[in-house]
N, C-alpha and C. Protein backbone atom coordinates (compact mmCIF):
# COMPACT_ATOMS: atom_id res chain seq x y z
N MET A 1 0.82 -1.19 0.00
CA MET A 1 0.00 0.00 0.00
C MET A 1 0.87 1.26 0.00
N LEU A 2 1.87 1.27 0.84
CA LEU A 2 2.76 2.42 0.93
C LEU A 2 3.51 2.60 -0.38
N TYR A 3 3.92 1.49 -0.97
CA TYR A 3 4.64 1.55 -2.25
C TYR A 3 3.76 2.16 -3.33
N SER A 4 2.50 1.79 -3.37
CA SER A 4 1.61 2.33 -4.39
C SER A 4 1.37 3.83 -4.19
N LEU A 5 1.30 4.28 -2.94
CA LEU A 5 1.16 5.71 -2.68
C LEU A 5 2.40 6.48 -3.11
N VAL A 6 3.56 5.93 -2.79
CA VAL A 6 4.82 6.57 -3.18
C VAL A 6 4.92 6.61 -4.70
N PHE A 7 4.58 5.50 -5.34
CA PHE A 7 4.61 5.44 -6.80
C PHE A 7 3.66 6.46 -7.41
N TYR A 8 2.46 6.58 -6.83
CA TYR A 8 1.47 7.54 -7.32
C TYR A 8 2.01 8.97 -7.22
N PHE A 9 2.57 9.33 -6.09
CA PHE A 9 3.09 10.69 -5.91
C PHE A 9 4.30 10.96 -6.78
N CYS A 10 5.14 9.93 -6.99
CA CYS A 10 6.31 10.10 -7.86
C CYS A 10 5.88 10.34 -9.30
N THR A 11 4.94 9.54 -9.77
CA THR A 11 4.48 9.73 -11.15
C THR A 11 3.76 11.06 -11.28
N ARG A 12 3.05 11.44 -10.25
CA ARG A 12 2.34 12.72 -10.26
C ARG A 12 3.34 13.87 -10.33
N THR A 13 4.40 13.76 -9.55
CA THR A 13 5.45 14.78 -9.53
C THR A 13 6.15 14.85 -10.88
N LYS A 14 6.40 13.69 -11.48
CA LYS A 14 7.04 13.66 -12.80
C LYS A 14 6.15 14.34 -13.84
N LYS A 15 4.85 14.07 -13.75
CA LYS A 15 3.93 14.68 -14.70
C LYS A 15 3.90 16.20 -14.53
N ILE A 16 3.89 16.64 -13.28
CA ILE A 16 3.87 18.09 -13.03
C ILE A 16 5.16 18.72 -13.52
N THR A 17 6.29 18.05 -13.28
CA THR A 17 7.58 18.56 -13.75
C THR A 17 7.61 18.63 -15.27
N LEU A 18 7.08 17.60 -15.91
CA LEU A 18 7.03 17.57 -17.36
C LEU A 18 6.17 18.71 -17.90
N ILE A 19 5.03 18.94 -17.26
CA ILE A 19 4.15 20.04 -17.68
C ILE A 19 4.84 21.38 -17.49
N GLU A 20 5.55 21.55 -16.38
CA GLU A 20 6.28 22.80 -16.15
C GLU A 20 7.36 23.02 -17.20
N GLU A 21 8.09 21.96 -17.56
CA GLU A 21 9.13 22.08 -18.60
C GLU A 21 8.52 22.47 -19.94
N ARG A 22 7.41 21.86 -20.27
CA ARG A 22 6.76 22.20 -21.54
C ARG A 22 6.23 23.63 -21.52
N ALA A 23 5.74 24.07 -20.38
CA ALA A 23 5.26 25.45 -20.27
C ALA A 23 6.41 26.44 -20.46
N LYS A 24 7.59 26.11 -19.92
CA LYS A 24 8.76 26.97 -20.11
C LYS A 24 9.14 27.04 -21.58
N LYS A 25 9.06 25.91 -22.27
CA LYS A 25 9.38 25.90 -23.70
C LYS A 25 8.38 26.75 -24.48
N LEU A 26 7.11 26.68 -24.08
CA LEU A 26 6.09 27.47 -24.77
C LEU A 26 6.28 28.96 -24.53
N GLU A 27 6.83 29.33 -23.39
CA GLU A 27 7.07 30.75 -23.11
C GLU A 27 8.11 31.33 -24.06
N SER A 28 9.03 30.48 -24.52
CA SER A 28 10.08 30.98 -25.41
C SER A 28 9.61 31.08 -26.86
N VAL A 29 8.44 30.52 -27.17
CA VAL A 29 7.90 30.59 -28.53
C VAL A 29 7.35 32.00 -28.76
N PRO A 30 7.68 32.62 -29.89
CA PRO A 30 7.20 33.98 -30.15
C PRO A 30 5.68 34.02 -30.31
N SER A 31 5.11 35.17 -29.99
CA SER A 31 3.66 35.35 -30.14
C SER A 31 3.31 35.52 -31.62
N GLY A 32 2.03 35.63 -31.89
CA GLY A 32 1.57 35.76 -33.28
C GLY A 32 2.14 36.98 -33.97
N LEU A 33 2.11 38.13 -33.28
CA LEU A 33 2.65 39.36 -33.88
C LEU A 33 4.16 39.25 -34.10
N GLU A 34 4.84 38.64 -33.13
CA GLU A 34 6.29 38.47 -33.28
C GLU A 34 6.61 37.56 -34.46
N MET A 35 5.80 36.50 -34.63
CA MET A 35 6.01 35.58 -35.76
C MET A 35 5.81 36.32 -37.08
N LYS A 36 4.76 37.14 -37.16
CA LYS A 36 4.51 37.90 -38.39
C LYS A 36 5.68 38.83 -38.70
N GLN A 37 6.21 39.47 -37.66
CA GLN A 37 7.33 40.39 -37.85
C GLN A 37 8.57 39.63 -38.30
N ILE A 38 8.82 38.47 -37.69
CA ILE A 38 9.99 37.67 -38.07
C ILE A 38 9.87 37.23 -39.52
N ILE A 39 8.69 36.73 -39.90
CA ILE A 39 8.49 36.28 -41.28
C ILE A 39 8.63 37.44 -42.25
N SER A 40 8.09 38.59 -41.88
CA SER A 40 8.20 39.78 -42.73
C SER A 40 9.65 40.19 -42.90
N ASP A 41 10.41 40.16 -41.81
CA ASP A 41 11.84 40.51 -41.88
C ASP A 41 12.60 39.53 -42.76
N VAL A 42 12.29 38.24 -42.65
CA VAL A 42 12.97 37.23 -43.46
C VAL A 42 12.67 37.45 -44.93
N ILE A 43 11.41 37.71 -45.26
CA ILE A 43 11.03 37.94 -46.66
C ILE A 43 11.73 39.17 -47.20
N ASP A 44 11.78 40.24 -46.40
CA ASP A 44 12.44 41.47 -46.85
C ASP A 44 13.94 41.26 -47.03
N SER A 45 14.56 40.52 -46.13
CA SER A 45 16.01 40.34 -46.22
C SER A 45 16.40 39.38 -47.34
N LYS A 46 15.52 38.49 -47.72
CA LYS A 46 15.82 37.52 -48.78
C LYS A 46 15.43 38.04 -50.15
N ASN A 47 14.83 39.21 -50.22
CA ASN A 47 14.36 39.79 -51.47
C ASN A 47 13.40 38.85 -52.20
N LEU A 48 12.54 38.20 -51.45
CA LEU A 48 11.54 37.33 -52.05
C LEU A 48 10.43 38.17 -52.65
N VAL A 49 9.82 37.65 -53.68
CA VAL A 49 8.77 38.39 -54.38
C VAL A 49 7.47 38.28 -53.60
N SER A 50 6.77 39.39 -53.50
CA SER A 50 5.46 39.36 -52.85
C SER A 50 4.43 38.80 -53.82
N VAL A 51 3.29 38.44 -53.29
CA VAL A 51 2.23 37.85 -54.11
C VAL A 51 1.75 38.84 -55.16
N ASP A 52 1.61 40.11 -54.78
CA ASP A 52 1.13 41.13 -55.72
C ASP A 52 2.08 41.30 -56.90
N LYS A 53 3.37 41.34 -56.61
CA LYS A 53 4.35 41.49 -57.69
C LYS A 53 4.34 40.28 -58.60
N LEU A 54 4.19 39.10 -58.02
CA LEU A 54 4.15 37.87 -58.82
C LEU A 54 2.93 37.86 -59.72
N GLU A 55 1.78 38.24 -59.18
CA GLU A 55 0.56 38.29 -60.00
C GLU A 55 0.70 39.30 -61.13
N LEU A 56 1.32 40.45 -60.86
CA LEU A 56 1.52 41.46 -61.88
C LEU A 56 2.41 40.93 -63.00
N GLU A 57 3.48 40.23 -62.65
CA GLU A 57 4.37 39.67 -63.67
C GLU A 57 3.65 38.60 -64.50
N ILE A 58 2.82 37.80 -63.86
CA ILE A 58 2.06 36.78 -64.59
C ILE A 58 1.10 37.44 -65.57
N ILE A 59 0.42 38.48 -65.14
CA ILE A 59 -0.51 39.20 -66.02
C ILE A 59 0.23 39.82 -67.19
N LYS A 60 1.39 40.44 -66.92
CA LYS A 60 2.18 41.05 -67.99
C LYS A 60 2.61 40.00 -69.01
N SER A 61 3.10 38.87 -68.53
CA SER A 61 3.57 37.84 -69.46
C SER A 61 2.41 37.25 -70.25
N ARG A 62 1.25 37.10 -69.62
CA ARG A 62 0.08 36.58 -70.33
C ARG A 62 -0.36 37.56 -71.41
N ASN A 63 -0.36 38.85 -71.09
CA ASN A 63 -0.75 39.86 -72.08
C ASN A 63 0.23 39.88 -73.25
N THR A 64 1.52 39.76 -72.95
CA THR A 64 2.53 39.71 -74.02
C THR A 64 2.31 38.49 -74.91
N GLN A 65 2.01 37.36 -74.30
CA GLN A 65 1.78 36.14 -75.07
C GLN A 65 0.54 36.29 -75.95
N VAL A 66 -0.51 36.90 -75.43
CA VAL A 66 -1.73 37.12 -76.22
C VAL A 66 -1.43 38.03 -77.41
N LEU A 67 -0.68 39.12 -77.18
CA LEU A 67 -0.34 40.04 -78.27
C LEU A 67 0.48 39.33 -79.35
N TRP A 68 1.47 38.54 -78.95
CA TRP A 68 2.28 37.81 -79.93
C TRP A 68 1.43 36.80 -80.71
N THR A 69 0.50 36.15 -80.03
CA THR A 69 -0.38 35.19 -80.72
C THR A 69 -1.26 35.90 -81.73
N ILE A 70 -1.85 37.01 -81.35
CA ILE A 70 -2.69 37.78 -82.28
C ILE A 70 -1.86 38.28 -83.46
N GLY A 71 -0.67 38.80 -83.18
CA GLY A 71 0.22 39.27 -84.25
C GLY A 71 0.61 38.16 -85.21
N THR A 72 0.89 36.97 -84.67
CA THR A 72 1.26 35.83 -85.52
C THR A 72 0.08 35.41 -86.39
N ILE A 73 -1.11 35.37 -85.82
CA ILE A 73 -2.30 35.00 -86.60
C ILE A 73 -2.54 36.01 -87.72
N ILE A 74 -2.43 37.30 -87.42
CA ILE A 74 -2.62 38.33 -88.45
C ILE A 74 -1.58 38.18 -89.55
N SER A 75 -0.33 37.90 -89.17
CA SER A 75 0.73 37.73 -90.18
C SER A 75 0.46 36.52 -91.07
N ILE A 76 0.04 35.43 -90.48
CA ILE A 76 -0.24 34.22 -91.27
C ILE A 76 -1.41 34.46 -92.21
N VAL A 77 -2.47 35.11 -91.73
CA VAL A 77 -3.63 35.40 -92.58
C VAL A 77 -3.22 36.33 -93.71
N SER A 78 -2.43 37.37 -93.41
CA SER A 78 -1.97 38.30 -94.45
C SER A 78 -1.12 37.58 -95.48
N LEU A 79 -0.25 36.71 -95.04
CA LEU A 79 0.59 35.94 -95.95
C LEU A 79 -0.27 35.02 -96.82
N GLY A 80 -1.28 34.41 -96.22
CA GLY A 80 -2.19 33.55 -96.99
C GLY A 80 -2.95 34.33 -98.04
N VAL A 81 -3.43 35.51 -97.68
CA VAL A 81 -4.16 36.35 -98.64
C VAL A 81 -3.23 36.77 -99.78
N ALA A 82 -1.99 37.13 -99.47
CA ALA A 82 -1.03 37.53 -100.50
C ALA A 82 -0.73 36.38 -101.44
N VAL A 83 -0.60 35.17 -100.91
CA VAL A 83 -0.34 34.00 -101.76
C VAL A 83 -1.53 33.73 -102.65
N ILE A 84 -2.73 33.85 -102.12
CA ILE A 84 -3.94 33.61 -102.93
C ILE A 84 -4.05 34.65 -104.04
N LYS A 85 -3.72 35.91 -103.78
CA LYS A 85 -3.78 36.96 -104.80
C LYS A 85 -2.77 36.70 -105.91
N LEU A 86 -1.62 36.14 -105.58
CA LEU A 86 -0.60 35.85 -106.59
C LEU A 86 -1.01 34.69 -107.49
N LEU A 87 -1.83 33.82 -106.99
CA LEU A 87 -2.24 32.68 -107.81
C LEU A 87 -3.29 33.13 -108.76
């Protein structure tokens, strides 16, 4: 009986100690605002592209591709008309 009580209190103490250690580790974790600031600083220091800039570049490249496609189609049609007139 005494052994089981001692065992119970020892395991209880270990659990409390473990919880205290985990709480200390959680205290060292940055808060939400600190995490946002850290991530923002990392992005700024690495010169990573923001989402807005990336979307703008995608739109520009898509527009350029559309213009080249339209220009190519007009050129091919004009060439076809010129060949037909020569025949």
